[in-house]
PDB file of N, CA and C in Angstrom:
ATOM      1  N   UNK A   1      30.929  23.293  62.918  1.00  0.00           N
ATOM      2  CA  UNK A   1      32.044  22.362  62.872  1.00  0.00           C
ATOM      3  C   UNK A   1      31.754  21.091  63.661  1.00  0.00           C
ATOM      4  N   UNK A   2      30.734  21.122  64.534  1.00  0.00           N
ATOM      5  CA  UNK A   2      30.375  19.912  65.268  1.00  0.00           C
ATOM      6  C   UNK A   2      28.859  19.702  65.179  1.00  0.00           C
ATOM      7  N   UNK A   3      28.429  18.479  65.472  1.00  0.00           N
ATOM      8  CA  UNK A   3      27.009  18.148  65.350  1.00  0.00           C
ATOM      9  C   UNK A   3      26.130  18.972  66.287  1.00  0.00           C
ATOM     10  N   UNK A   4      26.653  19.392  67.421  1.00  0.00           N
ATOM     11  CA  UNK A   4      25.869  20.162  68.376  1.00  0.00           C
ATOM     12  C   UNK A   4      25.994  21.665  68.229  1.00  0.00           C
ATOM     13  N   UNK A   5      26.744  22.132  67.242  1.00  0.00           N
ATOM     14  CA  UNK A   5      26.966  23.568  67.069  1.00  0.00           C
ATOM     15  C   UNK A   5      25.685  24.252  66.594  1.00  0.00           C
ATOM     16  N   UNK A   6      25.331  25.355  67.240  1.00  0.00           N
ATOM     17  CA  UNK A   6      24.140  26.120  66.852  1.00  0.00           C
ATOM     18  C   UNK A   6      24.411  27.005  65.648  1.00  0.00           C
ATOM     19  N   UNK A   7      25.658  27.433  65.486  1.00  0.00           N
ATOM     20  CA  UNK A   7      25.999  28.367  64.430  1.00  0.00           C
ATOM     21  C   UNK A   7      26.734  27.708  63.278  1.00  0.00           C
ATOM     22  N   UNK A   8      26.588  28.330  62.104  1.00  0.00           N
ATOM     23  CA  UNK A   8      27.320  27.908  60.908  1.00  0.00           C
ATOM     24  C   UNK A   8      28.487  28.868  60.725  1.00  0.00           C
ATOM     25  N   UNK A   9      29.671  28.336  60.513  1.00  0.00           N
ATOM     26  CA  UNK A   9      30.849  29.182  60.359  1.00  0.00           C
ATOM     27  C   UNK A   9      30.785  29.990  59.070  1.00  0.00           C
ATOM     28  N   UNK A  10      31.203  31.257  59.167  1.00  0.00           N
ATOM     29  CA  UNK A  10      31.340  32.130  58.008  1.00  0.00           C
ATOM     30  C   UNK A  10      32.827  32.387  57.815  1.00  0.00           C
ATOM     31  N   UNK A  11      33.271  32.272  56.566  1.00  0.00           N
ATOM     32  CA  UNK A  11      34.697  32.369  56.264  1.00  0.00           C
ATOM     33  C   UNK A  11      34.992  33.541  55.340  1.00  0.00           C
ATOM     34  N   UNK A  12      36.228  33.991  55.376  1.00  0.00           N
ATOM     35  CA  UNK A  12      36.668  35.090  54.522  1.00  0.00           C
ATOM     36  C   UNK A  12      36.748  34.633  53.073  1.00  0.00           C
ATOM     37  N   UNK A  13      36.146  35.397  52.181  1.00  0.00           N
ATOM     38  CA  UNK A  13      36.234  35.141  50.740  1.00  0.00           C
ATOM     39  C   UNK A  13      37.008  36.310  50.131  1.00  0.00           C
ATOM     40  N   UNK A  14      38.330  36.241  50.282  1.00  0.00           N
ATOM     41  CA  UNK A  14      39.205  37.310  49.799  1.00  0.00           C
ATOM     42  C   UNK A  14      40.282  36.702  48.902  1.00  0.00           C
ATOM     43  N   UNK A  15      40.799  37.500  47.973  1.00  0.00           N
ATOM     44  CA  UNK A  15      41.825  37.016  47.046  1.00  0.00           C
ATOM     45  C   UNK A  15      43.211  37.059  47.666  1.00  0.00           C
ATOM     46  N   UNK A  16      43.464  38.119  48.445  1.00  0.00           N
ATOM     47  CA  UNK A  16      44.780  38.306  49.057  1.00  0.00           C
ATOM     48  C   UNK A  16      44.625  38.433  50.563  1.00  0.00           C
ATOM     49  N   UNK A  17      45.687  38.113  51.288  1.00  0.00           N
ATOM     50  CA  UNK A  17      45.674  38.273  52.744  1.00  0.00           C
ATOM     51  C   UNK A  17      45.312  39.715  53.097  1.00  0.00           C
ATOM     52  N   UNK A  18      44.610  39.880  54.208  1.00  0.00           N
ATOM     53  CA  UNK A  18      44.177  41.197  54.677  1.00  0.00           C
ATOM     54  C   UNK A  18      44.668  41.370  56.109  1.00  0.00           C
ATOM     55  N   UNK A  19      45.458  42.391  56.347  1.00  0.00           N
ATOM     56  CA  UNK A  19      45.962  42.675  57.687  1.00  0.00           C
ATOM     57  C   UNK A  19      45.051  43.699  58.348  1.00  0.00           C
ATOM     58  N   UNK A  20      44.571  43.364  59.546  1.00  0.00           N
ATOM     59  CA  UNK A  20      43.761  44.289  60.339  1.00  0.00           C
ATOM     60  C   UNK A  20      44.625  44.746  61.500  1.00  0.00           C
ATOM     61  N   UNK A  21      44.984  46.014  61.476  1.00  0.00           N
ATOM     62  CA  UNK A  21      45.830  46.590  62.520  1.00  0.00           C
ATOM     63  C   UNK A  21      45.014  46.775  63.803  1.00  0.00           C
ATOM     64  N   UNK A  22      45.673  46.894  64.955  1.00  0.00           N
ATOM     65  CA  UNK A  22      44.949  47.151  66.204  1.00  0.00           C
ATOM     66  C   UNK A  22      44.050  48.384  66.072  1.00  0.00           C
ATOM     67  N   UNK A  23      42.823  48.260  66.548  1.00  0.00           N
ATOM     68  CA  UNK A  23      41.776  49.286  66.533  1.00  0.00           C
ATOM     69  C   UNK A  23      41.315  49.680  65.132  1.00  0.00           C
ATOM     70  N   UNK A  24      41.617  48.860  64.161  1.00  0.00           N
ATOM     71  CA  UNK A  24      41.189  49.112  62.793  1.00  0.00           C
ATOM     72  C   UNK A  24      39.939  48.295  62.487  1.00  0.00           C
ATOM     73  N   UNK A  25      39.056  48.866  61.677  1.00  0.00           N
ATOM     74  CA  UNK A  25      37.814  48.212  61.259  1.00  0.00           C
ATOM     75  C   UNK A  25      37.919  47.912  59.772  1.00  0.00           C
ATOM     76  N   UNK A  26      37.548  46.692  59.378  1.00  0.00           N
ATOM     77  CA  UNK A  26      37.579  46.283  57.975  1.00  0.00           C
ATOM     78  C   UNK A  26      36.312  45.517  57.633  1.00  0.00           C
ATOM     79  N   UNK A  27      35.835  45.692  56.413  1.00  0.00           N
ATOM     80  CA  UNK A  27      34.696  44.936  55.893  1.00  0.00           C
ATOM     81  C   UNK A  27      35.246  43.744  55.111  1.00  0.00           C
ATOM     82  N   UNK A  28      34.833  42.540  55.503  1.00  0.00           N
ATOM     83  CA  UNK A  28      35.351  41.322  54.885  1.00  0.00           C
ATOM     84  C   UNK A  28      34.180  40.522  54.311  1.00  0.00           C
ATOM     85  N   UNK A  29      34.172  40.293  52.992  1.00  0.00           N
ATOM     86  CA  UNK A  29      33.096  39.506  52.395  1.00  0.00           C
ATOM     87  C   UNK A  29      33.237  38.019  52.709  1.00  0.00           C
ATOM     88  N   UNK A  30      32.088  37.339  52.777  1.00  0.00           N
ATOM     89  CA  UNK A  30      32.094  35.892  52.994  1.00  0.00           C
ATOM     90  C   UNK A  30      31.874  35.122  51.694  1.00  0.00           C
ATOM     91  N   UNK A  31      31.401  35.828  50.666  1.00  0.00           N
ATOM     92  CA  UNK A  31      31.164  35.170  49.386  1.00  0.00           C
ATOM     93  C   UNK A  31      29.860  34.407  49.307  1.00  0.00           C
ATOM     94  N   UNK A  32      29.032  34.462  50.355  1.00  0.00           N
ATOM     95  CA  UNK A  32      27.762  33.738  50.303  1.00  0.00           C
ATOM     96  C   UNK A  32      26.588  34.699  50.442  1.00  0.00           C
ATOM     97  N   UNK A  33      25.503  34.302  49.832  1.00  0.00           N
ATOM     98  CA  UNK A  33      24.213  34.976  49.985  1.00  0.00           C
ATOM     99  C   UNK A  33      23.230  33.916  50.447  1.00  0.00           C
ATOM    100  N   UNK A  34      22.198  34.331  51.162  1.00  0.00           N
ATOM    101  CA  UNK A  34      21.218  33.384  51.688  1.00  0.00           C
ATOM    102  C   UNK A  34      19.804  33.891  51.420  1.00  0.00           C
ATOM    103  N   UNK A  35      18.878  32.967  51.392  1.00  0.00           N
ATOM    104  CA  UNK A  35      17.450  33.293  51.305  1.00  0.00           C
ATOM    105  C   UNK A  35      16.817  32.803  52.605  1.00  0.00           C
ATOM    106  N   UNK A  36      16.658  33.722  53.541  1.00  0.00           N
ATOM    107  CA  UNK A  36      16.086  33.393  54.850  1.00  0.00           C
ATOM    108  C   UNK A  36      14.556  33.427  54.714  1.00  0.00           C
ATOM    109  N   UNK A  37      13.856  32.401  55.186  1.00  0.00           N
ATOM    110  CA  UNK A  37      12.393  32.420  55.099  1.00  0.00           C
ATOM    111  C   UNK A  37      11.801  33.587  55.905  1.00  0.00           C
ATOM    112  N   UNK A  38      10.688  34.120  55.420  1.00  0.00           N
ATOM    113  CA  UNK A  38      10.004  35.178  56.157  1.00  0.00           C
ATOM    114  C   UNK A  38       9.654  34.657  57.545  1.00  0.00           C
ATOM    115  N   UNK A  39       9.803  35.517  58.554  1.00  0.00           N
ATOM    116  CA  UNK A  39       9.568  35.114  59.935  1.00  0.00           C
ATOM    117  C   UNK A  39      10.830  34.639  60.638  1.00  0.00           C
ATOM    118  N   UNK A  40      11.960  34.695  59.929  1.00  0.00           N
ATOM    119  CA  UNK A  40      13.246  34.296  60.496  1.00  0.00           C
ATOM    120  C   UNK A  40      14.285  35.364  60.178  1.00  0.00           C
ATOM    121  N   UNK A  41      15.397  35.323  60.884  1.00  0.00           N
ATOM    122  CA  UNK A  41      16.549  36.174  60.620  1.00  0.00           C
ATOM    123  C   UNK A  41      17.795  35.327  60.789  1.00  0.00           C
ATOM    124  N   UNK A  42      18.898  35.792  60.224  1.00  0.00           N
ATOM    125  CA  UNK A  42      20.198  35.196  60.509  1.00  0.00           C
ATOM    126  C   UNK A  42      20.920  36.164  61.434  1.00  0.00           C
ATOM    127  N   UNK A  43      21.391  35.668  62.563  1.00  0.00           N
ATOM    128  CA  UNK A  43      22.183  36.485  63.477  1.00  0.00           C
ATOM    129  C   UNK A  43      23.657  36.157  63.242  1.00  0.00           C
ATOM    130  N   UNK A  44      24.463  37.203  63.075  1.00  0.00           N
ATOM    131  CA  UNK A  44      25.892  37.030  62.840  1.00  0.00           C
ATOM    132  C   UNK A  44      26.618  37.367  64.129  1.00  0.00           C
ATOM    133  N   UNK A  45      27.391  36.408  64.619  1.00  0.00           N
ATOM    134  CA  UNK A  45      28.037  36.530  65.930  1.00  0.00           C
ATOM    135  C   UNK A  45      29.538  36.282  65.811  1.00  0.00           C
ATOM    136  N   UNK A  46      30.316  36.873  66.725  1.00  0.00           N
ATOM    137  CA  UNK A  46      31.766  36.641  66.700  1.00  0.00           C
ATOM    138  C   UNK A  46      32.100  35.207  67.105  1.00  0.00           C
ATOM    139  N   UNK A  47      33.293  34.786  66.756  1.00  0.00           N
ATOM    140  CA  UNK A  47      33.814  33.508  67.238  1.00  0.00           C
ATOM    141  C   UNK A  47      34.603  33.777  68.508  1.00  0.00           C
ATOM    142  N   UNK A  48      34.276  33.061  69.558  1.00  0.00           N
ATOM    143  CA  UNK A  48      34.866  33.332  70.869  1.00  0.00           C
ATOM    144  C   UNK A  48      36.376  33.112  70.895  1.00  0.00           C
ATOM    145  N   UNK A  49      36.874  32.137  70.170  1.00  0.00           N
ATOM    146  CA  UNK A  49      38.313  31.875  70.156  1.00  0.00           C
ATOM    147  C   UNK A  49      39.100  33.031  69.564  1.00  0.00           C
ATOM    148  N   UNK A  50      38.584  33.623  68.480  1.00  0.00           N
ATOM    149  CA  UNK A  50      39.266  34.778  67.881  1.00  0.00           C
ATOM    150  C   UNK A  50      39.239  35.973  68.822  1.00  0.00           C
ATOM    151  N   UNK A  51      38.135  36.147  69.519  1.00  0.00           N
ATOM    152  CA  UNK A  51      38.017  37.266  70.454  1.00  0.00           C
ATOM    153  C   UNK A  51      39.001  37.097  71.612  1.00  0.00           C
ATOM    154  N   UNK A  52      39.068  35.901  72.173  1.00  0.00           N
ATOM    155  CA  UNK A  52      39.942  35.650  73.319  1.00  0.00           C
ATOM    156  C   UNK A  52      41.421  35.701  72.942  1.00  0.00           C
ATOM    157  N   UNK A  53      41.782  35.037  71.867  1.00  0.00           N
ATOM    158  CA  UNK A  53      43.202  34.898  71.511  1.00  0.00           C
ATOM    159  C   UNK A  53      43.778  36.112  70.789  1.00  0.00           C
ATOM    160  N   UNK A  54      42.924  36.819  70.010  1.00  0.00           N
ATOM    161  CA  UNK A  54      43.450  37.881  69.151  1.00  0.00           C
ATOM    162  C   UNK A  54      42.733  39.225  69.299  1.00  0.00           C
ATOM    163  N   UNK A  55      41.633  39.270  70.048  1.00  0.00           N
ATOM    164  CA  UNK A  55      40.877  40.516  70.176  1.00  0.00           C
ATOM    165  C   UNK A  55      40.073  40.848  68.945  1.00  0.00           C
ATOM    166  N   UNK A  56      39.861  39.864  68.062  1.00  0.00           N
ATOM    167  CA  UNK A  56      39.112  40.094  66.823  1.00  0.00           C
ATOM    168  C   UNK A  56      37.638  39.820  67.066  1.00  0.00           C
ATOM    169  N   UNK A  57      36.794  40.792  66.768  1.00  0.00           N
ATOM    170  CA  UNK A  57      35.363  40.648  67.000  1.00  0.00           C
ATOM    171  C   UNK A  57      34.592  41.424  65.931  1.00  0.00           C
ATOM    172  N   UNK A  58      33.292  41.432  66.060  1.00  0.00           N
ATOM    173  CA  UNK A  58      32.423  42.158  65.133  1.00  0.00           C
ATOM    174  C   UNK A  58      32.004  43.479  65.762  1.00  0.00           C
ATOM    175  N   UNK A  59      31.933  44.526  64.950  1.00  0.00           N
ATOM    176  CA  UNK A  59      31.542  45.833  65.453  1.00  0.00           C
ATOM    177  C   UNK A  59      30.075  45.825  65.868  1.00  0.00           C
ATOM    178  N   UNK A  60      29.214  45.301  65.027  1.00  0.00           N
ATOM    179  CA  UNK A  60      27.792  45.228  65.361  1.00  0.00           C
ATOM    180  C   UNK A  60      27.445  43.774  65.645  1.00  0.00           C
ATOM    181  N   UNK A  61      27.256  43.469  66.908  1.00  0.00           N
ATOM    182  CA  UNK A  61      27.003  42.080  67.252  1.00  0.00           C
ATOM    183  C   UNK A  61      25.873  41.962  68.251  1.00  0.00           C
ATOM    184  N   UNK A  62      24.895  41.094  68.027  1.00  0.00           N
ATOM    185  CA  UNK A  62      24.831  40.317  66.794  1.00  0.00           C
ATOM    186  C   UNK A  62      24.331  41.171  65.638  1.00  0.00           C
ATOM    187  N   UNK A  63      24.899  40.931  64.488  1.00  0.00           N
ATOM    188  CA  UNK A  63      24.391  41.547  63.257  1.00  0.00           C
ATOM    189  C   UNK A  63      23.160  40.781  62.798  1.00  0.00           C
ATOM    190  N   UNK A  64      22.292  41.437  62.066  1.00  0.00           N
ATOM    191  CA  UNK A  64      21.063  40.799  61.590  1.00  0.00           C
ATOM    192  C   UNK A  64      21.031  40.778  60.071  1.00  0.00           C
ATOM    193  N   UNK A  65      20.743  39.610  59.503  1.00  0.00           N
ATOM    194  CA  UNK A  65      20.456  39.479  58.079  1.00  0.00           C
ATOM    195  C   UNK A  65      18.960  39.249  57.988  1.00  0.00           C
ATOM    196  N   UNK A  66      18.251  40.226  57.418  1.00  0.00           N
ATOM    197  CA  UNK A  66      16.790  40.140  57.304  1.00  0.00           C
ATOM    198  C   UNK A  66      16.374  39.151  56.225  1.00  0.00           C
ATOM    199  N   UNK A  67      15.135  38.684  56.318  1.00  0.00           N
ATOM    200  CA  UNK A  67      14.642  37.674  55.383  1.00  0.00           C
ATOM    201  C   UNK A  67      14.550  38.191  53.946  1.00  0.00           C
ATOM    202  N   UNK A  68      14.496  39.486  53.749  1.00  0.00           N
ATOM    203  CA  UNK A  68      14.383  40.002  52.382  1.00  0.00           C
ATOM    204  C   UNK A  68      15.725  40.463  51.792  1.00  0.00           C
ATOM    205  N   UNK A  69      16.836  40.268  52.502  1.00  0.00           N
ATOM    206  CA  UNK A  69      18.155  40.647  51.985  1.00  0.00           C
ATOM    207  C   UNK A  69      18.697  39.526  51.109  1.00  0.00           C
ATOM    208  N   UNK A  70      19.207  39.872  49.947  1.00  0.00           N
ATOM    209  CA  UNK A  70      19.729  38.865  49.027  1.00  0.00           C
ATOM    210  C   UNK A  70      21.172  39.125  48.601  1.00  0.00           C
ATOM    211  N   UNK A  71      21.829  40.093  49.197  1.00  0.00           N
ATOM    212  CA  UNK A  71      23.208  40.391  48.830  1.00  0.00           C
ATOM    213  C   UNK A  71      24.200  39.476  49.529  1.00  0.00           C
ATOM    214  N   UNK A  72      25.463  39.692  49.229  1.00  0.00           N
ATOM    215  CA  UNK A  72      26.548  38.938  49.855  1.00  0.00           C
ATOM    216  C   UNK A  72      26.661  39.352  51.321  1.00  0.00           C
ATOM    217  N   UNK A  73      26.812  38.383  52.189  1.00  0.00           N
ATOM    218  CA  UNK A  73      27.027  38.656  53.609  1.00  0.00           C
ATOM    219  C   UNK A  73      28.484  39.088  53.789  1.00  0.00           C
ATOM    220  N   UNK A  74      28.671  40.258  54.394  1.00  0.00           N
ATOM    221  CA  UNK A  74      30.002  40.744  54.726  1.00  0.00           C
ATOM    222  C   UNK A  74      30.066  40.989  56.221  1.00  0.00           C
ATOM    223  N   UNK A  75      31.258  40.926  56.767  1.00  0.00           N
ATOM    224  CA  UNK A  75      31.468  41.046  58.205  1.00  0.00           C
ATOM    225  C   UNK A  75      32.228  42.327  58.508  1.00  0.00           C
ATOM    226  N   UNK A  76      31.745  43.088  59.492  1.00  0.00           N
ATOM    227  CA  UNK A  76      32.437  44.302  59.924  1.00  0.00           C
ATOM    228  C   UNK A  76      33.307  43.905  61.116  1.00  0.00           C
ATOM    229  N   UNK A  77      34.585  43.664  60.837  1.00  0.00           N
ATOM    230  CA  UNK A  77      35.519  43.185  61.853  1.00  0.00           C
ATOM    231  C   UNK A  77      36.284  44.341  62.478  1.00  0.00           C
ATOM    232  N   UNK A  78      36.600  44.187  63.758  1.00  0.00           N
ATOM    233  CA  UNK A  78      37.461  45.145  64.451  1.00  0.00           C
ATOM    234  C   UNK A  78      38.508  44.361  65.229  1.00  0.00           C
ATOM    235  N   UNK A  79      39.724  44.875  65.206  1.00  0.00           N
ATOM    236  CA  UNK A  79      40.817  44.265  65.951  1.00  0.00           C
ATOM    237  C   UNK A  79      40.993  45.053  67.247  1.00  0.00           C
ATOM    238  N   UNK A  80      40.551  44.490  68.347  1.00  0.00           N
ATOM    239  CA  UNK A  80      40.715  45.122  69.662  1.00  0.00           C
ATOM    240  C   UNK A  80      41.975  44.641  70.365  1.00  0.00           C
ATOM    241  N   UNK A  81      42.742  43.804  69.678  1.00  0.00           N
ATOM    242  CA  UNK A  81      43.968  43.273  70.254  1.00  0.00           C
ATOM    243  C   UNK A  81      45.120  44.252  70.140  1.00  0.00           C
ATOM    244  N   UNK A  82      46.290  43.799  70.594  1.00  0.00           N
ATOM    245  CA  UNK A  82      47.501  44.628  70.588  1.00  0.00           C
ATOM    246  C   UNK A  82      48.364  44.395  69.353  1.00  0.00           C
ATOM    247  N   UNK A  83      48.096  43.303  68.626  1.00  0.00           N
ATOM    248  CA  UNK A  83      48.907  42.944  67.463  1.00  0.00           C
ATOM    249  C   UNK A  83      48.054  42.945  66.187  1.00  0.00           C
ATOM    250  N   UNK A  84      48.674  43.195  65.040  1.00  0.00           N
ATOM    251  CA  UNK A  84      47.941  43.060  63.775  1.00  0.00           C
ATOM    252  C   UNK A  84      47.450  41.621  63.616  1.00  0.00           C
ATOM    253  N   UNK A  85      46.300  41.465  62.953  1.00  0.00           N
ATOM    254  CA  UNK A  85      45.766  40.124  62.689  1.00  0.00           C
ATOM    255  C   UNK A  85      45.644  39.957  61.179  1.00  0.00           C
ATOM    256  N   UNK A  86      46.168  38.864  60.662  1.00  0.00           N
ATOM    257  CA  UNK A  86      46.113  38.607  59.225  1.00  0.00           C
ATOM    258  C   UNK A  86      44.987  37.635  58.909  1.00  0.00           C
ATOM    259  N   UNK A  87      44.064  38.101  58.076  1.00  0.00           N
ATOM    260  CA  UNK A  87      42.954  37.267  57.601  1.00  0.00           C
ATOM    261  C   UNK A  87      43.384  36.654  56.273  1.00  0.00           C
ATOM    262  N   UNK A  88      43.244  35.349  56.179  1.00  0.00           N
ATOM    263  CA  UNK A  88      43.556  34.628  54.948  1.00  0.00           C
ATOM    264  C   UNK A  88      42.258  34.096  54.339  1.00  0.00           C
ATOM    265  N   UNK A  89      42.276  33.814  53.068  1.00  0.00           N
ATOM    266  CA  UNK A  89      41.111  33.225  52.414  1.00  0.00           C
ATOM    267  C   UNK A  89      40.727  31.946  53.159  1.00  0.00           C
ATOM    268  N   UNK A  90      39.457  31.829  53.515  1.00  0.00           N
ATOM    269  CA  UNK A  90      38.976  30.642  54.213  1.00  0.00           C
ATOM    270  C   UNK A  90      39.058  30.718  55.727  1.00  0.00           C
ATOM    271  N   UNK A  91      39.608  31.815  56.279  1.00  0.00           N
ATOM    272  CA  UNK A  91      39.655  31.964  57.732  1.00  0.00           C
ATOM    273  C   UNK A  91      38.235  32.023  58.286  1.00  0.00           C
ATOM    274  N   UNK A  92      37.936  31.187  59.267  1.00  0.00           N
ATOM    275  CA  UNK A  92      36.617  31.222  59.916  1.00  0.00           C
ATOM    276  C   UNK A  92      36.574  32.437  60.836  1.00  0.00           C
ATOM    277  N   UNK A  93      35.670  33.378  60.533  1.00  0.00           N
ATOM    278  CA  UNK A  93      35.653  34.665  61.223  1.00  0.00           C
ATOM    279  C   UNK A  93      34.442  34.892  62.112  1.00  0.00           C
ATOM    280  N   UNK A  94      33.329  34.274  61.796  1.00  0.00           N
ATOM    281  CA  UNK A  94      32.088  34.526  62.537  1.00  0.00           C
ATOM    282  C   UNK A  94      31.206  33.299  62.424  1.00  0.00           C
ATOM    283  N   UNK A  95      30.065  33.352  63.099  1.00  0.00           N
ATOM    284  CA  UNK A  95      29.094  32.278  62.983  1.00  0.00           C
ATOM    285  C   UNK A  95      27.714  32.862  62.736  1.00  0.00           C
ATOM    286  N   UNK A  96      26.909  32.106  62.022  1.00  0.00           N
ATOM    287  CA  UNK A  96      25.565  32.533  61.667  1.00  0.00           C
ATOM    288  C   UNK A  96      24.558  31.588  62.309  1.00  0.00           C
ATOM    289  N   UNK A  97      23.620  32.169  63.055  1.00  0.00           N
ATOM    290  CA  UNK A  97      22.574  31.398  63.726  1.00  0.00           C
ATOM    291  C   UNK A  97      21.230  31.859  63.167  1.00  0.00           C
ATOM    292  N   UNK A  98      20.386  30.930  62.800  1.00  0.00           N
ATOM    293  CA  UNK A  98      19.053  31.253  62.287  1.00  0.00           C
ATOM    294  C   UNK A  98      18.070  31.270  63.457  1.00  0.00           C
ATOM    295  N   UNK A  99      17.325  32.365  63.583  1.00  0.00           N
ATOM    296  CA  UNK A  99      16.376  32.549  64.684  1.00  0.00           C
ATOM    297  C   UNK A  99      15.013  32.942  64.141  1.00  0.00           C
ATOM    298  N   UNK A 100      13.984  32.474  64.800  1.00  0.00           N
ATOM    299  CA  UNK A 100      12.631  32.910  64.478  1.00  0.00           C
ATOM    300  C   UNK A 100      12.430  34.319  65.029  1.00  0.00           C
ATOM    301  N   UNK A 101      11.685  35.129  64.315  1.00  0.00           N
ATOM    302  CA  UNK A 101      11.424  36.496  64.754  1.00  0.00           C
ATOM    303  C   UNK A 101       9.942  36.679  65.059  1.00  0.00           C
ATOM    304  N   UNK A 102       9.659  37.654  65.896  1.00  0.00           N
ATOM    305  CA  UNK A 102       8.287  38.001  66.240  1.00  0.00           C
ATOM    306  C   UNK A 102       8.076  39.449  65.839  1.00  0.00           C
ATOM    307  N   UNK A 103       7.031  39.721  65.111  1.00  0.00           N
ATOM    308  CA  UNK A 103       6.708  41.094  64.742  1.00  0.00           C
ATOM    309  C   UNK A 103       5.728  41.625  65.769  1.00  0.00           C
ATOM    310  N   UNK A 104       6.189  42.591  66.556  1.00  0.00           N
ATOM    311  CA  UNK A 104       5.377  43.153  67.626  1.00  0.00           C
ATOM    312  C   UNK A 104       4.454  44.242  67.083  1.00  0.00           C
ATOM    313  N   UNK A 105       3.292  44.326  67.660  1.00  0.00           N
ATOM    314  CA  UNK A 105       2.380  45.436  67.381  1.00  0.00           C
ATOM    315  C   UNK A 105       2.512  46.413  68.542  1.00  0.00           C
ATOM    316  N   UNK A 106       3.051  47.585  68.247  1.00  0.00           N
ATOM    317  CA  UNK A 106       3.271  48.572  69.293  1.00  0.00           C
ATOM    318  C   UNK A 106       2.011  49.395  69.527  1.00  0.00           C
ATOM    319  N   UNK A 107       1.790  49.694  70.780  1.00  0.00           N
ATOM    320  CA  UNK A 107       0.651  50.524  71.167  1.00  0.00           C
ATOM    321  C   UNK A 107       1.202  51.734  71.911  1.00  0.00           C
ATOM    322  N   UNK A 108       0.870  52.926  71.445  1.00  0.00           N
ATOM    323  CA  UNK A 108       1.335  54.145  72.098  1.00  0.00           C
ATOM    324  C   UNK A 108       0.370  54.492  73.231  1.00  0.00           C
ATOM    325  N   UNK A 109       0.957  54.695  74.425  1.00  0.00           N
ATOM    326  CA  UNK A 109       0.163  55.011  75.612  1.00  0.00           C
ATOM    327  C   UNK A 109       0.798  56.207  76.317  1.00  0.00           C
ATOM    328  N   UNK A 110       0.053  56.866  77.154  1.00  0.00           N
ATOM    329  CA  UNK A 110       0.593  58.005  77.889  1.00  0.00           C
ATOM    330  C   UNK A 110       1.264  57.576  79.195  1.00  0.00           C
ATOM    331  N   UNK A 111       0.995  56.350  79.666  1.00  0.00           N
ATOM    332  CA  UNK A 111       1.566  55.873  80.919  1.00  0.00           C
ATOM    333  C   UNK A 111       1.778  54.369  80.829  1.00  0.00           C
ATOM    334  N   UNK A 112       2.880  53.885  81.417  1.00  0.00           N
ATOM    335  CA  UNK A 112       3.170  52.455  81.429  1.00  0.00           C
ATOM    336  C   UNK A 112       2.699  51.835  82.736  1.00  0.00           C
ATOM    337  N   UNK A 113       2.339  50.549  82.718  1.00  0.00           N
ATOM    338  CA  UNK A 113       1.985  49.881  83.974  1.00  0.00           C
ATOM    339  C   UNK A 113       3.217  49.781  84.868  1.00  0.00           C
ATOM    340  N   UNK A 114       3.038  49.804  86.160  1.00  0.00           N
ATOM    341  CA  UNK A 114       4.137  49.762  87.119  1.00  0.00           C
ATOM    342  C   UNK A 114       4.717  48.375  87.290  1.00  0.00           C
ATOM    343  N   UNK A 115       5.988  48.330  87.727  1.00  0.00           N
ATOM    344  CA  UNK A 115       6.665  47.080  88.089  1.00  0.00           C
ATOM    345  C   UNK A 115       7.501  47.343  89.337  1.00  0.00           C
ATOM    346  N   UNK A 116       7.997  46.289  89.972  1.00  0.00           N
ATOM    347  CA  UNK A 116       8.838  46.453  91.152  1.00  0.00           C
ATOM    348  C   UNK A 116      10.135  47.181  90.799  1.00  0.00           C
ATOM    349  N   UNK A 117      10.686  46.908  89.643  1.00  0.00           N
ATOM    350  CA  UNK A 117      11.932  47.542  89.215  1.00  0.00           C
ATOM    351  C   UNK A 117      11.708  48.996  88.808  1.00  0.00           C
ATOM    352  N   UNK A 118      10.597  49.274  88.186  1.00  0.00           N
ATOM    353  CA  UNK A 118      10.271  50.615  87.676  1.00  0.00           C
ATOM    354  C   UNK A 118      11.347  51.070  86.702  1.00  0.00           C
ATOM    355  N   UNK A 119      11.942  52.232  86.904  1.00  0.00           N
ATOM    356  CA  UNK A 119      12.928  52.781  85.973  1.00  0.00           C
ATOM    357  C   UNK A 119      14.355  52.502  86.416  1.00  0.00           C
ATOM    358  N   UNK A 120      14.556  51.587  87.384  1.00  0.00           N
ATOM    359  CA  UNK A 120      15.907  51.260  87.850  1.00  0.00           C
ATOM    360  C   UNK A 120      16.776  50.812  86.701  1.00  0.00           C
ATOM    361  N   UNK A 121      17.924  51.437  86.518  1.00  0.00           N
ATOM    362  CA  UNK A 121      18.779  51.173  85.371  1.00  0.00           C
ATOM    363  C   UNK A 121      19.996  50.355  85.696  1.00  0.00           C
ATOM    364  N   UNK A 122      21.069  50.639  85.005  1.00  0.00           N
ATOM    365  CA  UNK A 122      22.305  49.873  85.121  1.00  0.00           C
ATOM    366  C   UNK A 122      22.789  49.795  86.556  1.00  0.00           C
ATOM    367  N   UNK A 123      22.979  48.566  87.029  1.00  0.00           N
ATOM    368  CA  UNK A 123      23.559  48.352  88.351  1.00  0.00           C
ATOM    369  C   UNK A 123      22.651  48.648  89.525  1.00  0.00           C
ATOM    370  N   UNK A 124      21.372  48.892  89.282  1.00  0.00           N
ATOM    371  CA  UNK A 124      20.505  49.289  90.404  1.00  0.00           C
ATOM    372  C   UNK A 124      20.272  48.164  91.402  1.00  0.00           C
ATOM    373  N   UNK A 125      20.509  46.896  91.001  1.00  0.00           N
ATOM    374  CA  UNK A 125      20.294  45.782  91.930  1.00  0.00           C
ATOM    375  C   UNK A 125      21.549  45.443  92.704  1.00  0.00           C
ATOM    376  N   UNK A 126      22.631  46.202  92.478  1.00  0.00           N
ATOM    377  CA  UNK A 126      23.883  45.950  93.201  1.00  0.00           C
ATOM    378  C   UNK A 126      24.774  44.947  92.523  1.00  0.00           C
ATOM    379  N   UNK A 127      24.367  44.431  91.373  1.00  0.00           N
ATOM    380  CA  UNK A 127      25.199  43.428  90.669  1.00  0.00           C
ATOM    381  C   UNK A 127      26.137  44.085  89.702  1.00  0.00           C
TER     382      UNK A 127
END
């Protein structure tokens, strides 16, 4: 919506209004398909305003559209808010960001090299 925006808005392509009740999950089509070049992906992300104001977000975020997918992009929405949310045709629901991908070559080893953190997990640094 602005010149500096990293993401492209994705909108609902539905014939009739769709009500998403609190804690309900719905699949909403966008009506668009894309051809992503090999070596890139499209990341589908929630819109922060919908999340803050209505609790509407994506179940799998960021979602990934692979370069070889040619179907219609649909959004898996969840209403985490307290009130029903009505989706209308053309409602901006998510954003799509194109990212370069790296294909890693994995090497199986019996032992990993050490680091200062080692196996320290969630919250181990006190933050």
